[in-house]
Protein backbone atom coordinates (compact mmCIF):
# COMPACT_ATOMS: atom_id res chain seq x y z
CA MET A 1 377.49 49.30 -45.28
CA LEU A 2 380.05 46.48 -45.09
CA GLU A 3 379.68 46.20 -41.31
CA ARG A 4 375.88 46.12 -41.58
CA ASN A 5 375.90 43.40 -44.22
CA MET A 6 378.45 41.30 -42.32
CA LEU A 7 376.36 41.67 -39.17
CA SER A 8 373.23 40.52 -40.98
CA PHE A 9 375.09 37.35 -41.93
CA PHE A 10 376.36 36.53 -38.43
CA VAL A 11 373.07 37.16 -36.63
CA GLN A 12 371.36 34.77 -39.02
CA MET A 13 374.08 32.13 -38.94
CA PHE A 14 374.06 32.07 -35.12
CA PRO A 15 370.46 32.52 -33.92
CA PRO A 16 369.42 32.49 -30.23
CA ARG A 17 369.75 29.13 -28.49
CA ARG A 18 366.22 27.85 -28.61
CA SER A 19 364.78 24.61 -29.78
CA PRO A 20 363.94 24.76 -33.49
CA PRO A 21 362.04 26.36 -34.98
CA TYR A 22 363.77 29.21 -33.15
CA CYS A 23 361.66 31.87 -31.51
CA LEU A 24 361.38 34.92 -33.73
CA ARG A 25 359.87 36.82 -30.85
CA GLY A 26 363.29 36.57 -29.18
CA TRP A 27 364.95 38.11 -32.20
CA ARG A 28 362.38 40.91 -32.27
CA GLU A 29 363.08 41.67 -28.63
CA ASN A 30 366.82 41.75 -29.39
CA LYS A 31 366.47 44.23 -32.23
CA ARG A 32 363.99 46.36 -30.24
CA PHE A 33 366.52 46.52 -27.40
CA LEU A 34 369.33 47.49 -29.81
CA TYR A 35 367.17 50.18 -31.41
CA THR A 36 366.15 51.66 -28.07
CA MET A 37 369.67 51.53 -26.68
CA GLY A 38 371.06 53.23 -29.81
CA THR A 39 368.56 56.10 -29.73
CA LEU A 40 369.16 56.64 -26.00
CA MET A 41 372.93 56.70 -26.49
CA VAL A 42 372.56 59.35 -29.21
CA ALA A 43 370.13 61.33 -27.03
CA PHE A 44 372.54 61.52 -24.10
CA SER A 45 375.71 62.09 -26.10
CA THR A 46 377.37 65.48 -25.82
CA ALA A 47 380.34 67.24 -27.34
CA ALA A 48 382.44 65.91 -24.46
CA SER A 49 381.23 62.34 -25.03
CA ALA A 50 381.18 62.37 -28.83
CA ASN A 51 382.88 58.96 -28.93
CA LEU A 52 379.58 57.54 -27.70
CA LEU A 53 378.22 58.04 -31.21
CA PHE A 54 380.35 55.20 -32.61
CA PRO A 55 378.72 52.39 -30.57
CA ALA A 56 375.36 54.18 -30.81
CA LEU A 57 375.31 54.13 -34.59
CA SER A 58 376.61 50.55 -34.60
CA VAL A 59 373.73 49.25 -32.48
CA LEU A 60 371.24 51.34 -34.48
CA SER A 61 372.56 49.68 -37.62
CA ALA A 62 372.29 46.23 -36.02
CA GLY A 63 368.75 46.91 -34.84
CA GLY A 64 367.79 48.18 -38.28
CA ILE A 65 368.87 45.10 -40.20
CA LEU A 66 367.15 42.87 -37.63
CA PHE A 67 363.96 44.90 -38.07
CA LEU A 68 364.13 44.23 -41.79
CA ILE A 69 364.97 40.52 -41.67
CA THR A 70 362.41 39.57 -39.02
CA ASN A 71 359.61 41.59 -40.63
CA MET A 72 360.02 40.47 -44.23
CA GLN A 73 358.27 37.21 -43.32
CA VAL A 74 355.07 39.24 -42.79
CA GLY A 75 354.76 38.98 -46.58
CA ASN A 76 353.81 35.32 -46.06
CA LEU A 77 350.47 36.49 -44.66
CA PHE A 78 349.46 38.13 -47.94
CA GLY A 79 349.51 35.17 -50.31
CA SER A 80 349.33 36.48 -53.85
CA ARG A 81 350.77 39.85 -52.74
CA ARG A 82 353.73 38.31 -50.92
CA SER A 83 356.47 39.77 -53.15
CA THR A 84 354.88 43.21 -53.01
CA ILE A 85 355.00 43.25 -49.21
CA ILE A 86 358.59 41.98 -49.10
CA THR A 87 359.76 44.66 -51.53
CA LEU A 88 357.73 47.29 -49.66
CA TYR A 89 359.60 46.49 -46.44
CA ASN A 90 362.91 46.75 -48.29
CA GLY A 91 361.87 50.07 -49.79
CA ALA A 92 360.88 51.42 -46.38
CA PHE A 93 364.24 50.34 -45.00
CA ASP A 94 365.93 51.97 -47.98
CA SER A 95 364.14 55.28 -47.36
CA SER A 96 364.63 55.28 -43.58
CA SER A 97 367.23 58.03 -43.95
CA ALA A 98 364.25 60.37 -44.33
CA LEU A 99 363.78 60.11 -40.56
CA PHE A 100 367.14 61.72 -39.94
CA LEU A 101 366.28 64.44 -42.44
CA VAL A 102 363.20 65.18 -40.31
CA VAL A 103 365.36 65.23 -37.17
CA LYS A 104 367.76 67.64 -38.91
CA LEU A 105 364.94 69.97 -39.96
CA LEU A 106 363.43 69.91 -36.46
CA HIS A 107 366.83 70.71 -34.98
CA GLU A 108 367.18 73.69 -37.31
CA ALA A 109 363.70 74.79 -36.17
CA GLY A 110 364.77 74.76 -32.53
CA VAL A 111 363.94 71.24 -31.34
CA SER A 112 366.90 69.72 -29.50
CA LEU A 113 368.45 66.48 -30.68
CA ARG A 114 367.94 65.01 -27.22
CA SER A 115 364.18 65.59 -27.38
CA SER A 116 363.97 64.04 -30.85
CA PHE A 117 365.86 60.90 -29.90
CA LEU A 118 364.03 60.50 -26.61
CA PHE A 119 360.81 60.57 -28.61
CA LEU A 120 362.20 57.90 -30.97
CA SER A 121 363.14 55.80 -27.94
CA ALA A 122 359.62 56.11 -26.56
CA CYS A 123 358.23 54.91 -29.90
CA SER A 124 359.77 51.50 -29.23
CA ILE A 125 356.74 50.74 -27.03
CA ILE A 126 354.83 50.30 -30.30
CA HIS A 127 357.21 47.55 -31.38
CA LEU A 128 356.94 45.92 -27.95
CA LEU A 129 353.14 45.75 -28.10
CA ARG A 130 353.23 44.50 -31.68
CA THR A 131 355.72 41.78 -30.79
CA PHE A 132 353.70 40.37 -27.90
CA PHE A 133 350.16 40.82 -29.22
CA LEU A 134 350.36 40.46 -33.01
CA MET A 135 353.37 38.39 -34.02
CA PRO A 136 353.80 34.60 -33.61
CA ARG A 137 356.41 32.98 -31.40
CA HIS A 138 357.85 31.15 -34.39
CA HIS A 139 358.19 31.90 -38.09
CA ILE A 140 355.16 32.56 -40.29
CA PRO A 141 354.82 29.55 -42.63
CA TYR A 142 354.62 29.71 -46.41
CA PRO A 143 352.42 28.64 -48.09
CA LEU A 144 350.10 29.80 -45.34
CA PRO A 145 347.68 27.14 -44.00
CA ASP A 146 344.02 27.86 -44.69
CA ASP A 147 343.17 28.03 -40.98
CA TYR A 148 346.13 30.16 -39.93
CA THR A 149 345.08 33.07 -37.69
CA TYR A 150 346.67 36.46 -37.15
CA GLY A 151 346.51 38.69 -34.09
CA MET A 152 346.11 37.70 -30.44
CA THR A 153 346.00 34.01 -31.39
CA CYS A 154 348.58 34.30 -34.16
CA GLY A 155 349.63 30.94 -35.51
CA LYS A 156 346.98 28.91 -33.70
CA SER A 157 344.67 26.68 -35.66
CA LYS A 158 341.26 25.41 -34.73
CA THR A 159 341.98 22.01 -36.26
CA LEU A 160 345.04 21.54 -34.08
CA SER A 161 342.85 21.16 -30.98
CA LEU A 162 340.62 18.53 -32.55
CA GLU A 163 341.42 14.92 -31.80
CA THR A 164 340.03 11.91 -33.60
CA ASN A 165 338.42 8.99 -31.82
CA GLY A 166 340.15 5.71 -31.02
CA ASN A 167 343.86 5.23 -31.65
CA ALA A 168 344.03 7.55 -34.66
CA PRO A 169 346.66 10.29 -34.33
CA THR A 170 345.60 13.82 -33.44
CA ALA A 171 345.62 16.61 -35.93
CA THR A 172 348.67 18.02 -34.16
CA GLU A 173 350.53 14.74 -34.60
CA GLU A 174 349.54 14.59 -38.26
CA LEU A 175 350.85 18.10 -38.74
CA HIS A 176 354.17 17.17 -37.18
CA LEU A 177 354.41 14.07 -39.35
CA ASN A 178 353.69 16.03 -42.50
CA LYS A 179 356.12 18.72 -41.42
CA ASN A 180 358.87 16.15 -40.93
CA VAL A 181 358.28 14.75 -44.38
CA THR A 182 358.47 18.23 -45.89
CA VAL A 183 361.72 19.05 -44.11
CA GLN A 184 363.32 15.83 -45.36
CA GLN A 185 362.41 16.72 -48.93
CA GLU A 186 363.86 20.23 -48.76
CA LYS A 187 367.42 21.03 -49.74
CA SER A 188 369.97 21.46 -47.00
CA PHE A 189 371.71 24.79 -46.49
CA ARG A 190 374.89 23.37 -48.02
CA GLU A 191 373.00 22.13 -51.07
CA CYS A 192 371.51 25.61 -51.54
CA LEU A 193 374.99 27.11 -51.57
CA MET A 194 376.05 24.72 -54.33
CA THR A 195 373.26 25.70 -56.73
CA ARG A 196 373.83 28.01 -59.68
CA PHE A 197 370.90 30.13 -58.49
CA PHE A 198 372.84 31.12 -55.38
CA VAL A 199 376.06 31.86 -57.29
CA LEU A 200 374.31 33.88 -60.00
CA GLN A 201 372.16 35.75 -57.48
CA LEU A 202 375.31 36.70 -55.58
CA LEU A 203 377.00 37.86 -58.80
CA TRP A 204 373.86 39.74 -59.92
CA LEU A 205 373.64 41.64 -56.63
CA SER A 206 377.38 42.23 -56.19
CA ILE A 207 377.99 43.80 -59.61
CA MET A 208 375.10 46.24 -59.41
CA GLN A 209 375.82 47.10 -55.78
CA LEU A 210 379.45 47.87 -56.67
CA ARG A 211 378.23 50.15 -59.46
CA HIS A 212 376.03 52.08 -57.05
CA TYR A 213 378.77 52.44 -54.44
CA PHE A 214 381.26 53.71 -57.02
CA PHE A 215 378.74 56.23 -58.34
CA ILE A 216 378.06 57.61 -54.85
CA GLY A 217 381.79 57.71 -54.08
CA THR A 218 382.56 59.79 -57.17
CA LEU A 219 379.39 61.89 -57.22
CA ASN A 220 380.73 65.04 -55.56
CA PRO A 221 384.00 65.16 -57.58
CA MET A 222 382.01 64.54 -60.76
CA LEU A 223 379.64 67.42 -59.99
CA GLN A 224 382.58 69.65 -59.10
CA ARG A 225 384.13 68.93 -62.49
CA LEU A 226 380.91 69.27 -64.54
CA THR A 227 379.91 72.56 -62.84
CA ALA A 228 383.43 74.04 -62.95
CA GLY A 229 383.31 74.20 -59.15
CA GLU A 230 380.25 76.49 -58.91
CA PRO A 231 379.14 75.97 -55.24
CA SER A 232 375.48 76.87 -55.71
CA LEU A 233 375.11 74.56 -58.71
CA VAL A 234 376.84 71.69 -56.92
CA SER A 235 374.53 72.21 -53.93
CA GLN A 236 371.50 72.19 -56.24
CA TYR A 237 372.41 68.80 -57.69
CA ILE A 238 373.36 67.35 -54.31
CA ASN A 239 369.96 68.41 -52.95
CA ALA A 240 368.24 66.82 -55.94
CA PHE A 241 370.14 63.59 -55.32
CA ALA A 242 369.22 63.64 -51.62
CA ILE A 243 365.53 64.13 -52.39
CA THR A 244 365.44 61.22 -54.82
CA GLN A 245 366.97 58.95 -52.17
CA LEU A 246 363.82 59.34 -50.09
CA CYS A 247 361.67 57.79 -52.81
CA GLY A 248 362.86 54.22 -52.35
CA VAL A 249 359.72 53.27 -50.43
CA LEU A 250 357.64 54.42 -53.42
CA CYS A 251 359.70 52.59 -56.05
CA ALA A 252 360.39 49.25 -54.36
CA PRO A 253 356.79 47.88 -54.39
CA TRP A 254 356.69 48.19 -58.18
CA ASN A 255 359.06 45.25 -58.38
CA GLY A 256 356.87 43.15 -56.11
CA LEU A 257 353.76 44.11 -58.07
CA ILE A 258 355.46 42.96 -61.27
CA MET A 259 356.31 39.60 -59.71
CA ASP A 260 352.88 39.08 -58.14
CA ARG A 261 351.03 40.11 -61.31
CA HIS A 262 353.15 37.84 -63.46
CA LYS A 263 352.68 34.99 -60.99
CA GLY A 264 348.91 35.50 -61.18
CA LYS A 265 348.79 34.19 -64.73
CA PRO A 266 347.11 30.78 -65.08
CA ARG A 267 349.47 27.96 -64.23
CA ALA A 268 350.35 25.25 -66.68
CA ALA A 269 349.11 21.75 -65.88
CA GLY A 270 351.27 20.26 -63.15
CA GLU A 271 353.16 23.50 -62.43
CA SER A 272 353.93 23.91 -58.73
CA GLU A 273 353.68 27.15 -56.81
CA ARG A 274 357.45 27.35 -56.52
CA GLU A 275 357.82 27.01 -60.29
CA ALA A 276 355.25 29.77 -60.77
CA ASP A 277 357.25 31.97 -58.38
CA LEU A 278 360.46 31.32 -60.31
CA ARG A 279 358.74 32.05 -63.61
CA ALA A 280 357.44 35.33 -62.19
CA SER A 281 360.92 36.33 -61.01
CA VAL A 282 362.45 36.24 -64.51
CA LEU A 283 360.91 39.55 -65.56
CA SER A 284 361.89 41.19 -62.28
CA LEU A 285 365.52 40.06 -62.57
CA PHE A 286 365.71 41.17 -66.20
CA LEU A 287 364.19 44.62 -65.57
CA THR A 288 366.54 45.20 -62.64
CA ALA A 289 369.56 44.28 -64.77
CA LEU A 290 368.30 46.52 -67.59
CA GLN A 291 367.81 49.44 -65.19
CA GLY A 292 371.32 48.89 -63.86
CA LEU A 293 372.76 48.99 -67.36
CA LEU A 294 370.88 52.19 -68.27
CA PHE A 295 371.89 53.79 -64.98
CA SER A 296 375.53 52.90 -65.59
CA ILE A 297 375.44 54.33 -69.12
CA CYS A 298 373.88 57.62 -67.96
CA ALA A 299 376.34 57.91 -65.07
CA SER A 300 379.20 57.50 -67.54
CA ILE A 301 378.11 60.38 -69.80
CA PRO A 302 379.72 63.66 -68.61
CA TYR A 303 376.67 65.84 -69.32
CA LEU A 304 375.37 67.79 -66.32
CA PRO A 305 371.57 68.03 -67.01
CA LEU A 306 371.48 64.28 -67.69
CA GLN A 307 372.40 63.64 -64.05
CA TYR A 308 368.85 64.40 -62.92
CA PHE A 309 367.71 61.37 -64.91
CA THR A 310 370.69 59.43 -63.56
CA PHE A 311 369.53 60.15 -60.00
CA VAL A 312 366.05 58.81 -60.80
CA LEU A 313 367.46 55.66 -62.40
CA GLN A 314 369.76 55.16 -59.43
CA VAL A 315 367.03 55.18 -56.79
CA VAL A 316 364.66 53.05 -58.89
CA ASN A 317 367.36 50.49 -59.65
CA ARG A 318 368.55 50.37 -56.04
CA SER A 319 364.99 49.79 -54.82
CA PHE A 320 364.44 47.04 -57.37
CA LEU A 321 367.82 45.54 -56.53
CA TYR A 322 367.42 45.02 -52.78
CA GLY A 323 363.71 44.25 -52.84
CA GLY A 324 364.16 41.83 -55.73
CA ASN A 325 367.08 40.16 -53.98
CA ALA A 326 364.99 39.37 -50.90
CA ALA A 327 361.98 38.30 -52.98
CA PHE A 328 364.04 35.94 -55.17
CA ILE A 329 365.73 34.27 -52.19
CA SER A 330 362.32 33.71 -50.61
CA VAL A 331 360.96 31.90 -53.70
CA ALA A 332 364.06 30.09 -54.98
CA PHE A 333 365.15 28.42 -51.73
CA PRO A 334 363.44 26.71 -48.77
CA SER A 335 362.00 29.20 -46.30
CA CYS A 336 363.88 27.58 -43.41
CA HIS A 337 367.16 28.82 -44.93
CA PHE A 338 365.99 32.32 -45.87
CA GLY A 339 367.76 34.16 -43.05
CA LYS A 340 371.07 32.37 -43.51
CA LEU A 341 371.06 32.75 -47.30
CA TYR A 342 369.98 36.40 -47.18
CA GLY A 343 372.65 37.25 -44.62
CA LEU A 344 375.35 35.34 -46.48
CA ILE A 345 374.56 36.94 -49.84
CA MET A 346 374.52 40.41 -48.29
CA ALA A 347 377.84 39.74 -46.52
CA LEU A 348 379.60 38.34 -49.59
CA SER A 349 378.30 41.14 -51.81
CA ALA A 350 379.66 43.64 -49.27
CA VAL A 351 383.08 41.97 -49.49
CA PHE A 352 382.87 42.22 -53.29
CA SER A 353 382.09 45.93 -52.92
CA ILE A 354 385.53 46.51 -51.42
CA LEU A 355 386.64 46.66 -55.07
CA GLN A 356 385.33 50.24 -55.07
CA TYR A 357 388.46 51.33 -53.19
CA PRO A 358 390.99 50.27 -55.83
CA CYS A 359 388.65 51.78 -58.43
CA LEU A 360 388.64 55.08 -56.53
CA ALA A 361 392.42 54.90 -56.12
CA LEU A 362 392.76 54.39 -59.87
CA VAL A 363 390.56 57.42 -60.57
CA ASN A 364 392.33 59.67 -58.06
CA GLY A 365 395.77 58.51 -59.22
CA PRO A 366 396.60 57.55 -62.81
CA LEU A 367 393.30 58.85 -64.25
CA ASP A 368 393.75 62.29 -62.67
CA GLY A 369 390.24 62.42 -61.23
CA ASN A 370 388.41 61.40 -64.41
CA PRO A 371 386.27 58.28 -63.79
CA LEU A 372 385.25 57.83 -67.44
CA TYR A 373 387.30 54.69 -68.16
CA VAL A 374 386.31 53.02 -64.89
CA ASN A 375 382.66 53.87 -65.63
CA ILE A 376 382.96 52.24 -69.05
CA ALA A 377 384.51 49.13 -67.49
CA LEU A 378 381.73 48.88 -64.91
CA THR A 379 379.13 49.37 -67.64
CA LEU A 380 380.57 46.44 -69.58
CA LEU A 381 380.65 44.41 -66.36
CA SER A 382 376.94 45.18 -65.91
CA LEU A 383 376.21 43.04 -68.96
CA VAL A 384 377.12 39.99 -66.85
CA THR A 385 374.00 40.54 -64.71
CA PHE A 386 371.78 39.45 -67.62
CA ILE A 387 373.09 35.89 -67.23
CA HIS A 388 371.00 35.39 -64.09
CA PRO A 389 367.51 36.07 -65.54
CA LEU A 390 368.48 34.05 -68.62
CA SER A 391 369.49 31.11 -66.41
CA VAL A 392 366.22 31.22 -64.45
CA PHE A 393 364.24 31.46 -67.72
CA LEU A 394 366.00 28.42 -69.19
CA HIS A 395 365.43 26.52 -65.96
CA CYS A 396 361.70 27.26 -66.05
CA ARG A 397 361.50 26.30 -69.71
CA SER A 398 363.30 23.02 -68.92
CA LEU A 399 360.78 22.24 -66.19
CA ALA A 400 357.92 23.00 -68.59
CA SER A 401 359.44 20.65 -71.19
CA GLN A 402 359.74 17.88 -68.61
CA ARG A 403 356.10 18.30 -67.64
CA ALA A 404 355.06 18.15 -71.28
CA ILE A 405 357.04 14.92 -71.81
CA SER A 406 355.56 13.38 -68.66
CA ALA A 407 352.03 14.33 -69.71
CA SER A 408 352.45 12.83 -73.18
CA SER A 409 353.92 9.54 -71.95
């Protein structure tokens, strides 16, 4: 997980060398190549060449995160359902482990691993056709222009080919002029890093992600202790946990639906679309923090039947966490910095998650395998995550007060 998050940061910080805006089609070709190469390396690995699996899984991981990052912008095409689509992509990425479960079941039914992975490699032709015939060469803008087209002529506009008479500038020139003005008004990447939104978003994600990692790291020992080492009972709970992990794609869109529905409320006079997005994100951030707190409390209670509910809370909270993280970054910061900010937050949160190792060492050492006190500490730490939605709420209320003062003057 750490390597994947660090990689997502570096590929976004150092994009391909193309004139801005950089060509997203190039990135899609890169991740398609990594995906195909990874599946082929797994397909042709044998017991004698088992070391081939290490680079194979590395490039599969790299291709996966690039799939996610380059496709989340598709949400820009859906206007009022933008957050739902972004969270849906994150949920699908979260549940992608189901594919390997299918491969495992097919293998047990007699289908060779080589055949399965050759089939997955052949499926990359779908991504190739989609890249060249459906997706634009550059990023999908947001807000989406009224005359923006999708498909074979993706990104082209009828008005861009119209020229006015005389010495008046063309529509294309006007678009470039307006675009330059917009870019000058947007915050720089450095300014985004200095905002409290970035710091609190990083803290919000890091604390809950650490809680999830620690829970997964101590799950098997916890079940061994609560079941008195009964193998069949441990297997039953492990299977239940595995099944719930496949439901991320079903849970993640709920977060986006909450944001989009809340955003759909009538705007106050003078409220911008960005302010409406921020206002809509408050409920999402709060619910995610609340889920994380409830999940942490349930995980701390050493009662075996309760763990079924803990598993449900874990997958719902994880889906809300990663989908909500991407959705908030997309609405709180300029779209031109989305990739860099998303990659940086994921990388820094992964570094923060290294704290799970001293926590595990503490449990396995002085605490004699009992994680209760560490669980209580992490539960108390989860209370810090409520600062973020409160900060965004106060910011939105401050903007509303400023508008009211301006309207009355």
